[in-house]
Amino acid sequence: MKIAVLSDIHGNLPALQTVAADIENWQPDLVVVDGDIVNRGPLSLDCLKFIQQKQAAEDWRVVRGNHEDYLLACARPDAPRTGPEHELWRFAFWAYHQIDGSITTLQTLPNQFSWMAPDGSEFRVVHASMRNNRDGIYADSSDEQLYQQIAPVPAVFVTAHTHRPMVRRFNDSLVVNVGSVGAPFDRDTRASYGRFTWAREGWQAEIIRLPYDMAQTERDYVESGFLDEAGPLAQLMLVELRRAGGLIYRWASRYQDAVLAKEIDMQTSVKELLHDEDLRPFLGAPGWTF
């Protein structure tokens, strides 16, 4: 049995196409998409349609991620549509309006997928942990914390969300983070996905890394309107893509409270952050320069 798991596409169509082609060459028996198809990138609708076509033609399975939940939240009547809180969510509203008619599709996605091997061992896929789909699992998580995150413990627990690939043994189990197709955060810009095999000897896991056309993704940021229309955080997401490292948490820890209190506007806060010395090598067109 061969199973491929990909996750955290985030509207990055060139990366998704590259990973899908590699999966097709590998010819697995099953493919699972572990959430975050949409949002945080320029081509959410294109990526969602691509996955839907794979569902229909090749029976790909799909699990809901937290970014699917974010777009569902944008559809609520009480979602903020003006003011500082709306500015925090502006990139999500942009993706929500992009997919619009497909929003009901996201509501039907399950929170996990399980497959039972012939020996009775369970292969389980969730976006983050059993606690919730924002509860990331990391390489340095303690055994006690890890147990709480994956219990009841299966033979293979597949996670994503953190954008950092990992293969970790936990007693007799495998805990695998398949990383991110569209926005890796481990300083390796290549797309990431997981290959899993079951045989009578048990389970094996491997992380696959693939270069893709990042220049096209940057053009998509511009041509889709994402960079200009999705708010200043879209600029941070482009820098995240280039450096293969997260920045939203850095921004939030410094500026989010001040933005919500109207002590600083969103654009100024992002521009200030981008003056950090370690980010300068990743600035430049398309986008802001200083």
C-alpha atoms as a PDB file:
ATOM      1  CA  MET A   1       0.000   0.000   0.000  1.00  0.00           C
ATOM      2  CA  LYS A   2       1.325   3.406  -0.999  1.00  0.00           C
ATOM      3  CA  ILE A   3      -0.199   6.651   0.344  1.00  0.00           C
ATOM      4  CA  ALA A   4       0.767  10.231  -0.523  1.00  0.00           C
ATOM      5  CA  VAL A   5      -0.171  13.110   1.786  1.00  0.00           C
ATOM      6  CA  LEU A   6       0.166  16.758   0.821  1.00  0.00           C
ATOM      7  CA  SER A   7      -0.861  19.814   2.781  1.00  0.00           C
ATOM      8  CA  ASP A   8      -0.700  23.593   3.235  1.00  0.00           C
ATOM      9  CA  ILE A   9      -0.983  24.540  -0.411  1.00  0.00           C
ATOM     10  CA  HIS A  10      -2.157  28.067   0.393  1.00  0.00           C
ATOM     11  CA  GLY A  11      -3.136  29.104  -3.092  1.00  0.00           C
ATOM     12  CA  ASN A  12       0.268  28.314  -4.621  1.00  0.00           C
ATOM     13  CA  LEU A  13      -0.718  26.682  -7.912  1.00  0.00           C
ATOM     14  CA  PRO A  14       2.769  26.136  -9.437  1.00  0.00           C
ATOM     15  CA  ALA A  15       3.883  24.283  -6.289  1.00  0.00           C
ATOM     16  CA  LEU A  16       0.685  22.204  -6.273  1.00  0.00           C
ATOM     17  CA  GLN A  17       1.088  21.258  -9.928  1.00  0.00           C
ATOM     18  CA  THR A  18       4.686  20.183  -9.330  1.00  0.00           C
ATOM     19  CA  VAL A  19       3.775  18.021  -6.346  1.00  0.00           C
ATOM     20  CA  ALA A  20       0.782  16.498  -8.127  1.00  0.00           C
ATOM     21  CA  ALA A  21       2.965  15.527 -11.107  1.00  0.00           C
ATOM     22  CA  ASP A  22       5.474  13.830  -8.795  1.00  0.00           C
ATOM     23  CA  ILE A  23       2.676  11.989  -7.010  1.00  0.00           C
ATOM     24  CA  GLU A  24       1.310  10.795 -10.349  1.00  0.00           C
ATOM     25  CA  ASN A  25       4.742   9.423 -11.290  1.00  0.00           C
ATOM     26  CA  TRP A  26       4.947   7.592  -7.944  1.00  0.00           C
ATOM     27  CA  GLN A  27       1.481   6.065  -8.497  1.00  0.00           C
ATOM     28  CA  PRO A  28       0.200   5.692  -4.940  1.00  0.00           C
ATOM     29  CA  ASP A  29      -2.917   3.728  -4.071  1.00  0.00           C
ATOM     30  CA  LEU A  30      -4.340   6.684  -2.131  1.00  0.00           C
ATOM     31  CA  VAL A  31      -3.785  10.457  -1.950  1.00  0.00           C
ATOM     32  CA  VAL A  32      -4.855  12.591   1.020  1.00  0.00           C
ATOM     33  CA  VAL A  33      -4.865  16.404   1.112  1.00  0.00           C
ATOM     34  CA  ASP A  34      -4.358  17.458   4.729  1.00  0.00           C
ATOM     35  CA  GLY A  35      -6.003  20.874   4.691  1.00  0.00           C
ATOM     36  CA  ASP A  36      -5.142  24.510   3.962  1.00  0.00           C
ATOM     37  CA  ILE A  37      -5.745  24.356   0.232  1.00  0.00           C
ATOM     38  CA  VAL A  38      -6.854  27.980   0.290  1.00  0.00           C
ATOM     39  CA  ASN A  39      -5.923  31.378   1.730  1.00  0.00           C
ATOM     40  CA  ARG A  40      -2.562  33.010   2.443  1.00  0.00           C
ATOM     41  CA  GLY A  41      -1.638  32.913  -1.248  1.00  0.00           C
ATOM     42  CA  PRO A  42      -2.736  34.241  -4.634  1.00  0.00           C
ATOM     43  CA  LEU A  43      -4.720  31.453  -6.348  1.00  0.00           C
ATOM     44  CA  SER A  44      -7.087  29.893  -3.827  1.00  0.00           C
ATOM     45  CA  LEU A  45      -9.864  29.226  -6.348  1.00  0.00           C
ATOM     46  CA  ASP A  46      -7.509  27.635  -8.878  1.00  0.00           C
ATOM     47  CA  CYS A  47      -6.030  25.352  -6.234  1.00  0.00           C
ATOM     48  CA  LEU A  48      -9.443  24.398  -4.884  1.00  0.00           C
ATOM     49  CA  LYS A  49     -10.697  23.535  -8.378  1.00  0.00           C
ATOM     50  CA  PHE A  50      -7.533  21.500  -9.030  1.00  0.00           C
ATOM     51  CA  ILE A  51      -8.125  19.457  -5.877  1.00  0.00           C
ATOM     52  CA  GLN A  52     -11.826  19.044  -6.659  1.00  0.00           C
ATOM     53  CA  GLN A  53     -10.935  17.650 -10.084  1.00  0.00           C
ATOM     54  CA  LYS A  54      -8.577  15.162  -8.429  1.00  0.00           C
ATOM     55  CA  GLN A  55     -11.323  14.195  -5.983  1.00  0.00           C
ATOM     56  CA  ALA A  56     -13.714  13.492  -8.838  1.00  0.00           C
ATOM     57  CA  ALA A  57     -11.296  11.772 -11.207  1.00  0.00           C
ATOM     58  CA  GLU A  58      -8.891   9.972  -8.847  1.00  0.00           C
ATOM     59  CA  ASP A  59     -10.723   9.817  -5.505  1.00  0.00           C
ATOM     60  CA  TRP A  60      -8.315  12.070  -3.641  1.00  0.00           C
ATOM     61  CA  ARG A  61      -9.407  12.488  -0.005  1.00  0.00           C
ATOM     62  CA  VAL A  62      -9.436  15.913   1.650  1.00  0.00           C
ATOM     63  CA  VAL A  63      -9.258  16.984   5.311  1.00  0.00           C
ATOM     64  CA  ARG A  64     -10.233  20.449   6.535  1.00  0.00           C
ATOM     65  CA  GLY A  65      -7.517  22.828   7.753  1.00  0.00           C
ATOM     66  CA  ASN A  66      -7.664  25.996   9.812  1.00  0.00           C
ATOM     67  CA  HIS A  67      -7.527  28.187   6.703  1.00  0.00           C
ATOM     68  CA  GLU A  68     -10.661  26.559   5.350  1.00  0.00           C
ATOM     69  CA  ASP A  69     -12.188  27.495   8.707  1.00  0.00           C
ATOM     70  CA  TYR A  70     -10.972  31.085   8.315  1.00  0.00           C
ATOM     71  CA  LEU A  71     -12.829  31.441   5.021  1.00  0.00           C
ATOM     72  CA  LEU A  72     -15.942  29.897   6.534  1.00  0.00           C
ATOM     73  CA  ALA A  73     -15.672  32.478   9.327  1.00  0.00           C
ATOM     74  CA  CYS A  74     -15.618  35.238   6.704  1.00  0.00           C
ATOM     75  CA  ALA A  75     -19.058  34.067   5.579  1.00  0.00           C
ATOM     76  CA  ARG A  76     -20.620  34.643   9.001  1.00  0.00           C
ATOM     77  CA  PRO A  77     -22.889  37.683   9.365  1.00  0.00           C
ATOM     78  CA  ASP A  78     -20.898  38.896  12.391  1.00  0.00           C
ATOM     79  CA  ALA A  79     -17.506  38.794  10.611  1.00  0.00           C
ATOM     80  CA  PRO A  80     -15.737  42.189  10.837  1.00  0.00           C
ATOM     81  CA  ARG A  81     -16.133  44.115   7.595  1.00  0.00           C
ATOM     82  CA  THR A  82     -14.641  47.439   8.622  1.00  0.00           C
ATOM     83  CA  GLY A  83     -12.033  48.754  11.027  1.00  0.00           C
ATOM     84  CA  PRO A  84      -8.764  47.355  12.389  1.00  0.00           C
ATOM     85  CA  GLU A  85     -10.071  43.834  12.986  1.00  0.00           C
ATOM     86  CA  HIS A  86     -11.139  43.643   9.345  1.00  0.00           C
ATOM     87  CA  GLU A  87      -7.606  44.690   8.341  1.00  0.00           C
ATOM     88  CA  LEU A  88      -6.257  41.663  10.255  1.00  0.00           C
ATOM     89  CA  TRP A  89      -8.572  39.439   8.203  1.00  0.00           C
ATOM     90  CA  ARG A  90      -8.324  41.311   4.914  1.00  0.00           C
ATOM     91  CA  PHE A  91      -6.261  38.619   3.141  1.00  0.00           C
ATOM     92  CA  ALA A  92      -8.818  35.990   4.215  1.00  0.00           C
ATOM     93  CA  PHE A  93     -11.716  38.083   2.958  1.00  0.00           C
ATOM     94  CA  TRP A  94      -9.864  38.471  -0.341  1.00  0.00           C
ATOM     95  CA  ALA A  95      -9.605  34.675  -0.687  1.00  0.00           C
ATOM     96  CA  TYR A  96     -13.203  34.271   0.481  1.00  0.00           C
ATOM     97  CA  HIS A  97     -14.447  36.555  -2.295  1.00  0.00           C
ATOM     98  CA  GLN A  98     -12.210  34.724  -4.763  1.00  0.00           C
ATOM     99  CA  ILE A  99     -13.772  31.314  -4.070  1.00  0.00           C
ATOM    100  CA  ASP A 100     -17.259  32.696  -3.207  1.00  0.00           C
ATOM    101  CA  GLY A 101     -19.527  30.116  -4.873  1.00  0.00           C
ATOM    102  CA  SER A 102     -17.380  27.222  -3.619  1.00  0.00           C
ATOM    103  CA  ILE A 103     -17.617  28.125   0.074  1.00  0.00           C
ATOM    104  CA  THR A 104     -20.197  25.405   0.774  1.00  0.00           C
ATOM    105  CA  THR A 105     -17.658  22.828  -0.400  1.00  0.00           C
ATOM    106  CA  LEU A 106     -15.430  23.717   2.550  1.00  0.00           C
ATOM    107  CA  GLN A 107     -18.237  23.080   5.038  1.00  0.00           C
ATOM    108  CA  THR A 108     -18.448  19.428   4.042  1.00  0.00           C
ATOM    109  CA  LEU A 109     -14.782  18.598   4.649  1.00  0.00           C
ATOM    110  CA  PRO A 110     -14.073  16.191   7.539  1.00  0.00           C
ATOM    111  CA  ASN A 111     -11.602  16.935  10.326  1.00  0.00           C
ATOM    112  CA  GLN A 112      -9.678  13.686   9.890  1.00  0.00           C
ATOM    113  CA  PHE A 113      -9.107  10.714   7.626  1.00  0.00           C
ATOM    114  CA  SER A 114      -8.272   7.168   8.743  1.00  0.00           C
ATOM    115  CA  TRP A 115      -7.295   4.007   6.873  1.00  0.00           C
ATOM    116  CA  MET A 116      -6.868   0.598   8.480  1.00  0.00           C
ATOM    117  CA  ALA A 117      -4.052  -1.606   7.178  1.00  0.00           C
ATOM    118  CA  PRO A 118      -4.612  -5.379   6.784  1.00  0.00           C
ATOM    119  CA  ASP A 119      -2.734  -5.942  10.064  1.00  0.00           C
ATOM    120  CA  GLY A 120      -5.196  -3.676  11.911  1.00  0.00           C
ATOM    121  CA  SER A 121      -2.807  -0.728  12.256  1.00  0.00           C
ATOM    122  CA  GLU A 122      -4.337   2.710  11.801  1.00  0.00           C
ATOM    123  CA  PHE A 123      -3.075   5.410   9.450  1.00  0.00           C
ATOM    124  CA  ARG A 124      -4.626   8.703  10.618  1.00  0.00           C
ATOM    125  CA  VAL A 125      -4.438  12.144   9.016  1.00  0.00           C
ATOM    126  CA  VAL A 126      -5.415  15.402  10.757  1.00  0.00           C
ATOM    127  CA  HIS A 127      -4.373  18.944   9.930  1.00  0.00           C
ATOM    128  CA  ALA A 128      -2.738  19.708  13.292  1.00  0.00           C
ATOM    129  CA  SER A 129      -3.654  17.571  16.317  1.00  0.00           C
ATOM    130  CA  MET A 130      -6.573  15.704  17.814  1.00  0.00           C
ATOM    131  CA  ARG A 131      -7.217  18.740  20.015  1.00  0.00           C
ATOM    132  CA  ASN A 132      -7.845  21.201  17.187  1.00  0.00           C
ATOM    133  CA  ASN A 133      -6.593  22.157  13.734  1.00  0.00           C
ATOM    134  CA  ARG A 134      -4.358  24.987  14.995  1.00  0.00           C
ATOM    135  CA  ASP A 135      -2.521  22.908  17.613  1.00  0.00           C
ATOM    136  CA  GLY A 136       0.789  22.321  15.860  1.00  0.00           C
ATOM    137  CA  ILE A 137       3.092  19.371  16.549  1.00  0.00           C
ATOM    138  CA  TYR A 138       6.829  20.137  16.557  1.00  0.00           C
ATOM    139  CA  ALA A 139      10.027  18.128  16.640  1.00  0.00           C
ATOM    140  CA  ASP A 140      10.808  19.397  20.158  1.00  0.00           C
ATOM    141  CA  SER A 141       7.346  18.710  21.625  1.00  0.00           C
ATOM    142  CA  SER A 142       7.702  16.643  24.793  1.00  0.00           C
ATOM    143  CA  ASP A 143       6.528  13.029  24.793  1.00  0.00           C
ATOM    144  CA  GLU A 144       3.809  13.969  27.275  1.00  0.00           C
ATOM    145  CA  GLN A 145       2.536  16.798  25.108  1.00  0.00           C
ATOM    146  CA  LEU A 146       2.764  14.663  21.974  1.00  0.00           C
ATOM    147  CA  TYR A 147       0.681  11.926  23.576  1.00  0.00           C
ATOM    148  CA  GLN A 148      -2.042  14.445  24.412  1.00  0.00           C
ATOM    149  CA  GLN A 149      -1.987  15.711  20.838  1.00  0.00           C
ATOM    150  CA  ILE A 150      -2.304  12.348  19.058  1.00  0.00           C
ATOM    151  CA  ALA A 151      -4.205  10.091  21.492  1.00  0.00           C
ATOM    152  CA  PRO A 152      -5.618   7.540  20.915  1.00  0.00           C
ATOM    153  CA  VAL A 153      -2.220   6.729  19.435  1.00  0.00           C
ATOM    154  CA  PRO A 154      -2.370   5.169  15.933  1.00  0.00           C
ATOM    155  CA  ALA A 155       0.398   3.326  14.119  1.00  0.00           C
ATOM    156  CA  VAL A 156       0.929   6.395  11.910  1.00  0.00           C
ATOM    157  CA  PHE A 157      -0.164   9.915  12.824  1.00  0.00           C
ATOM    158  CA  VAL A 158       0.122  12.380   9.938  1.00  0.00           C
ATOM    159  CA  THR A 159      -0.001  16.095  10.652  1.00  0.00           C
ATOM    160  CA  ALA A 160       0.900  19.374   8.944  1.00  0.00           C
ATOM    161  CA  HIS A 161      -0.016  22.998   9.868  1.00  0.00           C
ATOM    162  CA  THR A 162       3.441  24.117  11.073  1.00  0.00           C
ATOM    163  CA  HIS A 163       4.921  24.094   7.535  1.00  0.00           C
ATOM    164  CA  ARG A 164       7.916  22.222   8.971  1.00  0.00           C
ATOM    165  CA  PRO A 165       8.407  18.599   7.848  1.00  0.00           C
ATOM    166  CA  MET A 166       9.318  16.006  10.466  1.00  0.00           C
ATOM    167  CA  VAL A 167       9.499  12.242  10.928  1.00  0.00           C
ATOM    168  CA  ARG A 168       9.508  11.185  14.577  1.00  0.00           C
ATOM    169  CA  ARG A 169       9.297   7.815  16.267  1.00  0.00           C
ATOM    170  CA  PHE A 170       6.970   7.720  19.283  1.00  0.00           C
ATOM    171  CA  ASN A 171       7.154   4.332  20.977  1.00  0.00           C
ATOM    172  CA  ASP A 172       5.868   1.952  18.286  1.00  0.00           C
ATOM    173  CA  SER A 173       4.274   4.729  16.240  1.00  0.00           C
ATOM    174  CA  LEU A 174       5.351   7.092  13.486  1.00  0.00           C
ATOM    175  CA  VAL A 175       4.473  10.779  13.814  1.00  0.00           C
ATOM    176  CA  VAL A 176       5.011  12.582  10.511  1.00  0.00           C
ATOM    177  CA  ASN A 177       4.602  16.233   9.595  1.00  0.00           C
ATOM    178  CA  VAL A 178       4.452  16.382   5.794  1.00  0.00           C
ATOM    179  CA  GLY A 179       5.408  20.076   5.684  1.00  0.00           C
ATOM    180  CA  SER A 180       3.965  22.513   3.176  1.00  0.00           C
ATOM    181  CA  VAL A 181       3.428  22.417  -0.563  1.00  0.00           C
ATOM    182  CA  GLY A 182       3.025  26.159  -0.972  1.00  0.00           C
ATOM    183  CA  ALA A 183       4.832  27.895   1.918  1.00  0.00           C
ATOM    184  CA  PRO A 184       7.583  25.904   3.684  1.00  0.00           C
ATOM    185  CA  PHE A 185       8.894  27.429   6.932  1.00  0.00           C
ATOM    186  CA  ASP A 186      12.079  25.375   7.412  1.00  0.00           C
ATOM    187  CA  ARG A 187      14.325  27.675   5.304  1.00  0.00           C
ATOM    188  CA  ASP A 188      14.040  25.285   2.346  1.00  0.00           C
ATOM    189  CA  THR A 189      11.954  26.877  -0.408  1.00  0.00           C
ATOM    190  CA  ARG A 190      11.193  23.559  -2.109  1.00  0.00           C
ATOM    191  CA  ALA A 191       7.670  22.153  -1.922  1.00  0.00           C
ATOM    192  CA  SER A 192       7.190  19.288   0.529  1.00  0.00           C
ATOM    193  CA  TYR A 193       4.919  16.252   0.783  1.00  0.00           C
ATOM    194  CA  GLY A 194       4.930  12.818   2.420  1.00  0.00           C
ATOM    195  CA  ARG A 195       5.130   9.291   1.009  1.00  0.00           C
ATOM    196  CA  PHE A 196       3.971   6.375   3.162  1.00  0.00           C
ATOM    197  CA  THR A 197       4.193   2.671   2.475  1.00  0.00           C
ATOM    198  CA  TRP A 198       2.723  -0.289   4.299  1.00  0.00           C
ATOM    199  CA  ALA A 199       3.968  -3.842   3.893  1.00  0.00           C
ATOM    200  CA  ARG A 200       3.943  -6.882   6.155  1.00  0.00           C
ATOM    201  CA  GLU A 201       7.069  -5.511   7.825  1.00  0.00           C
ATOM    202  CA  GLY A 202       5.149  -2.392   8.893  1.00  0.00           C
ATOM    203  CA  TRP A 203       5.027   1.297   7.979  1.00  0.00           C
ATOM    204  CA  GLN A 204       7.686   3.491   6.383  1.00  0.00           C
ATOM    205  CA  ALA A 205       7.596   7.257   5.788  1.00  0.00           C
ATOM    206  CA  GLU A 206       9.610   9.617   3.602  1.00  0.00           C
ATOM    207  CA  ILE A 207       9.526  13.389   3.065  1.00  0.00           C
ATOM    208  CA  ILE A 208       9.884  14.467  -0.579  1.00  0.00           C
ATOM    209  CA  ARG A 209      11.227  17.940  -1.524  1.00  0.00           C
ATOM    210  CA  LEU A 210      10.696  19.417  -4.966  1.00  0.00           C
ATOM    211  CA  PRO A 211      11.802  22.686  -6.607  1.00  0.00           C
ATOM    212  CA  TYR A 212       9.052  24.486  -8.488  1.00  0.00           C
ATOM    213  CA  ASP A 213       8.544  27.688 -10.474  1.00  0.00           C
ATOM    214  CA  MET A 214       8.636  30.262  -7.654  1.00  0.00           C
ATOM    215  CA  ALA A 215       9.012  33.067 -10.187  1.00  0.00           C
ATOM    216  CA  GLN A 216       5.563  32.195 -11.528  1.00  0.00           C
ATOM    217  CA  THR A 217       4.150  32.218  -7.996  1.00  0.00           C
ATOM    218  CA  GLU A 218       5.535  35.742  -7.516  1.00  0.00           C
ATOM    219  CA  ARG A 219       3.897  36.782 -10.783  1.00  0.00           C
ATOM    220  CA  ASP A 220       0.652  35.258  -9.501  1.00  0.00           C
ATOM    221  CA  TYR A 221       0.901  37.500  -6.422  1.00  0.00           C
ATOM    222  CA  VAL A 222       0.768  40.490  -8.765  1.00  0.00           C
ATOM    223  CA  GLU A 223      -1.474  39.320 -11.614  1.00  0.00           C
ATOM    224  CA  SER A 224      -4.183  37.939  -9.309  1.00  0.00           C
ATOM    225  CA  GLY A 225      -4.420  41.220  -7.403  1.00  0.00           C
ATOM    226  CA  PHE A 226      -3.443  39.536  -4.130  1.00  0.00           C
ATOM    227  CA  LEU A 227      -0.439  41.739  -3.419  1.00  0.00           C
ATOM    228  CA  ASP A 228      -2.324  45.002  -4.009  1.00  0.00           C
ATOM    229  CA  GLU A 229      -5.762  44.081  -2.723  1.00  0.00           C
ATOM    230  CA  ALA A 230      -5.350  41.628   0.163  1.00  0.00           C
ATOM    231  CA  GLY A 231      -3.821  44.116   2.602  1.00  0.00           C
ATOM    232  CA  PRO A 232      -0.298  44.688   3.938  1.00  0.00           C
ATOM    233  CA  LEU A 233      -0.027  41.191   5.425  1.00  0.00           C
ATOM    234  CA  ALA A 234       0.060  39.882   1.851  1.00  0.00           C
ATOM    235  CA  GLN A 235       3.451  41.586   1.559  1.00  0.00           C
ATOM    236  CA  LEU A 236       4.673  39.625   4.588  1.00  0.00           C
ATOM    237  CA  MET A 237       3.428  36.415   3.017  1.00  0.00           C
ATOM    238  CA  LEU A 238       5.507  37.088  -0.097  1.00  0.00           C
ATOM    239  CA  VAL A 239       8.598  37.603   2.067  1.00  0.00           C
ATOM    240  CA  GLU A 240       7.743  34.388   3.949  1.00  0.00           C
ATOM    241  CA  LEU A 241       7.668  32.576   0.610  1.00  0.00           C
ATOM    242  CA  ARG A 242      11.094  33.927  -0.384  1.00  0.00           C
ATOM    243  CA  ARG A 243      12.809  33.145   2.927  1.00  0.00           C
ATOM    244  CA  ALA A 244      10.866  29.927   3.651  1.00  0.00           C
ATOM    245  CA  GLY A 245      10.216  31.174   7.150  1.00  0.00           C
ATOM    246  CA  GLY A 246       7.206  32.484   9.029  1.00  0.00           C
ATOM    247  CA  LEU A 247       6.713  36.164   9.840  1.00  0.00           C
ATOM    248  CA  ILE A 248       3.084  36.590  10.843  1.00  0.00           C
ATOM    249  CA  TYR A 249       3.775  35.543  14.444  1.00  0.00           C
ATOM    250  CA  ARG A 250       6.669  38.024  14.630  1.00  0.00           C
ATOM    251  CA  TRP A 251       4.388  40.766  13.360  1.00  0.00           C
ATOM    252  CA  ALA A 252       1.515  39.822  15.693  1.00  0.00           C
ATOM    253  CA  SER A 253       3.714  39.728  18.804  1.00  0.00           C
ATOM    254  CA  ARG A 254       4.938  43.273  18.105  1.00  0.00           C
ATOM    255  CA  TYR A 255       2.022  45.046  16.479  1.00  0.00           C
ATOM    256  CA  GLN A 256      -1.327  43.284  16.609  1.00  0.00           C
ATOM    257  CA  ASP A 257      -2.510  44.812  19.890  1.00  0.00           C
ATOM    258  CA  ALA A 258      -1.396  48.267  18.769  1.00  0.00           C
ATOM    259  CA  VAL A 259      -3.208  47.914  15.438  1.00  0.00           C
ATOM    260  CA  LEU A 260      -6.419  46.811  17.148  1.00  0.00           C
ATOM    261  CA  ALA A 261      -6.096  49.754  19.552  1.00  0.00           C
ATOM    262  CA  LYS A 262      -5.634  52.098  16.543  1.00  0.00           C
ATOM    263  CA  GLU A 263      -2.236  53.212  17.825  1.00  0.00           C
ATOM    264  CA  ILE A 264      -0.630  52.322  14.491  1.00  0.00           C
ATOM    265  CA  ASP A 265      -2.122  51.446  11.112  1.00  0.00           C
ATOM    266  CA  MET A 266      -1.547  48.088   9.464  1.00  0.00           C
ATOM    267  CA  GLN A 267       0.604  49.335   6.584  1.00  0.00           C
ATOM    268  CA  THR A 268       2.954  51.265   8.846  1.00  0.00           C
ATOM    269  CA  SER A 269       3.351  48.279  11.159  1.00  0.00           C
ATOM    270  CA  VAL A 270       4.288  45.970   8.284  1.00  0.00           C
ATOM    271  CA  LYS A 271       6.738  48.483   6.835  1.00  0.00           C
ATOM    272  CA  GLU A 272       8.403  48.824  10.236  1.00  0.00           C
ATOM    273  CA  LEU A 273       8.770  45.054  10.537  1.00  0.00           C
ATOM    274  CA  LEU A 274      10.335  44.813   7.093  1.00  0.00           C
ATOM    275  CA  HIS A 275      13.153  47.079   8.281  1.00  0.00           C
ATOM    276  CA  ASP A 276      14.458  44.125  10.350  1.00  0.00           C
ATOM    277  CA  GLU A 277      17.988  43.457   9.181  1.00  0.00           C
ATOM    278  CA  ASP A 278      17.465  39.732   8.577  1.00  0.00           C
ATOM    279  CA  LEU A 279      14.615  40.456   6.151  1.00  0.00           C
ATOM    280  CA  ARG A 280      16.436  42.884   3.871  1.00  0.00           C
ATOM    281  CA  PRO A 281      17.829  40.173   1.534  1.00  0.00           C
ATOM    282  CA  PHE A 282      14.261  39.094   0.755  1.00  0.00           C
ATOM    283  CA  LEU A 283      12.781  42.477  -0.181  1.00  0.00           C
ATOM    284  CA  GLY A 284      12.307  43.854  -3.655  1.00  0.00           C
ATOM    285  CA  ALA A 285       9.905  43.851  -6.557  1.00  0.00           C
ATOM    286  CA  PRO A 286       7.231  42.783  -6.753  1.00  0.00           C
ATOM    287  CA  GLY A 287       6.636  44.492  -3.435  1.00  0.00           C
ATOM    288  CA  TRP A 288       7.988  47.141  -1.140  1.00  0.00           C
ATOM    289  CA  THR A 289      11.604  48.288  -1.099  1.00  0.00           C
ATOM    290  CA  PHE A 290      13.334  50.666   1.314  1.00  0.00           C
END
